[in-house]
Amino acid sequence: MSSLTTAIQQAELDWMIQDGVEIPVSRQFGDVYFSKANGLAETRHVFLQGNELPARLAQLQSHQYFCVGETGFGTGLNILALWQLWQQCRPDNHSRLHVITVEKFPLSRDGLQRALAAWPELTELSRQLIDQYPPALPGCHRLVFANERFSVDLWLGDAADCLPLIQTSHPVDAWFMDGFAPKCNPELWQDNILKHLIRLSAPGTTFASFSVAGVVKQGLRQFGIKVTRPAGFGHKREMLKAWWLTPTTNDVLITVAPTKNLPKIAIIGAGIAGLSMAHALATRGYACDLYDQTAPLAGASGNPRALLAPKLVPLAKFASNLMNLGGLFSLRYWQQFKGVVEKTGIVHVLDKRVEQELEKASAYPHDILTGLGAVQTSTQISQPVSCSSLWFKQAGLINPHALAQVILQNPAIYQHQAAISHIQALDLATQNASWQLLNSQQETLGMYDHVVICTALNSPLLCQRLPALKPIRGQVSWFTQAGDAPPLPIPVTYGGYMAQLHPPASHESTILLGASFIRQDDQTDVRLADHQHNLDLIKAIAPTLAHQFPAISQWQGRAAIRAQSPDYLPLAGQIAGRHGLWTLSGLGSKGFSFAPLCAELICAQLLGEVWPVPQPVIDSIKPGRFLENSKAHHL
């Protein structure tokens, strides 16, 4: 059975003391995680110098992308040493460093913190890594360090299961062949693992390892990799240093890339989809023009708060569930910015399939998700209820307007208020750009190499190769309560959702209720009937609380239209048959979970990077899937 469809087993540790420093020892493999002599110095000698990274990283040109692969994350020491080197030698330009790493037995957060305490000089980097360290759930977890031009894909699961799923538009430039010694962990050094390392590499890729065991040397040589054995670290006589020779030289591929003209990029629509795309591009140093016919967050993304609440799926499906992977990514990423994320956790009250849902929840680690009985639920939300619930500890609220403010501060994002009525393809042989944006007066607003359509329900109007999207009206309600009103310590979901907002320096709070869900309704007027709907939903589970609310005539509200695809998954990627034309649309009511990770994917495809999700997920959201299904149906 694949490790990506079962619970992740965390590392079991013993601790040894050497010179007053705690060193973790794996019970699973009976080996230390780092050198008893000096693990950090060994990492620098074997992996950083062994791959000649100080020189290679210092030579990176602006917007050049460098990728490092690692076969065993362990305590994260290699990555922190690499990050420290990156801080010391990175050029003052828009070059970027990315790491792919795999771990079958991840340390707990506490274990990781305890292990990394051995290296005081890495304290600040360790803190940032621990802040984003993902829960022990299978699959790919992307960690992005916003101000460092540095990112990590941490795959949790067996390397034999994870490596075949990794897809990239850019070969791995250097490999840290790390992990417990071959005699302790032979599975990590077998041929099928090496085959995928080669699949993800290219001429010019380098390899380094502390191990010079025959299985490692022979495994690389069979693929034509040149292997040498320079002096190892400390008492180790040798280490492994290898490289894939380029066709024209007997040396490592020079990492200096020729200067290239940067593509001109436009994004149409400034909801969460367009904002996420603009942010992903701008943080990579790519300027973009962001068009919206009114203003940012004018549509469905502009509510007072959005919930980042996972959907409970069988654990076997978690690694391929875009909503959950995306929601966790959003929580991790946006928490780096003040005032954007409230990691409150969320209680989901169960009104049907209670036993089945609690059984599914029991497969998850308890520090991520816990099933609660009615009494426990009442205690957790400080309100009497008669239902069991699920307590999602890795969940919270996001402030859309605070998020938009953070994103739009980036000087690489140029805002334009304009309605785009037509996107016209140009002759690439005679024009500098491939797509022309026109307004309703047929005036040209700009010419671009790439255009990303993020206009929700209107996206198919700009490209007929996109499927029609379904309008779904949603109205949220809110009202103010005095400071002596009973508190709601944690957001609650049921058929709807409820959250208590606390404005800064105020003795009052706001109760937010949502949301109506009316298919085939594209009107945005605020209706008492929708207020009543939102009230009835909360009455069904917490009548005592609902009776304390003011009359709905005193409520405020906001209605917006969600755009839903036929299969409820987003449209994310290049539009079939339209080179340079992309879309991120059809997000439904899950935009804040879908959009940021999908924006990372589109950037990876557009700019030539490592993809943050496996191929099956990409296939499930590519914009042309409905055209393909239609053709298959007619065959």
Foldseek 3Di string as FASTA:
>chain_A
DFQQQAFFAAFDWDWDADPNATWTATPLQRGTLADSVDRLVQLCVFFVVLLPPLVQQLQEDALAEAEEEEEACELVSNVLSVLVSCVVRHDPHLYAYEYEYEHRHHHDLVRSVRNCVRPVVSVVVSVLCSLLPDDRAAAWAKFDDLPRSYIYTYGYTHLLNHLVQWDFLDAHQEYEHDDPDCVRPVVSLDLSSLVSNVVRHDAQHKYTYQDPDPSNVVSQVVVVKDWDWCQHPDPGGTIIIIGRHDPPDRDHDRNYDDDDDAFAEEEEAQELQRLLLCLLQVSSVAFYEYEYQPDHNPFPRQDQKAKLDDDQDQSSCVNLDLLNSLSSNLQSPVVVDPPFWDQQWEKEWDDPPLVVSQVSQVSHDVQAKHKAAQVRVCVQFVFHFHTIIMTGNRITMGGSVSSSVVSVVRPSYHYDNADFQEKDADDVVPDPAGIFTAHPVRDTPDGTNAYEYAPAQCSCSHPVLFDHWKKWKKKKKKDKDALVQDDGSHWYHYVWIWDWADDPPDSMIMIMFIIHTHIRDADKDDDLVGVVVRLVRVCVTGVVNSVPDDDSVRMDMTMHIGTADPVRAWAAEARPPDRNYTYTYRNGSSSSSNNNLSSQQRCSVVSTTIRSGGPVSCQVRHRNNVVVVVVVVVD
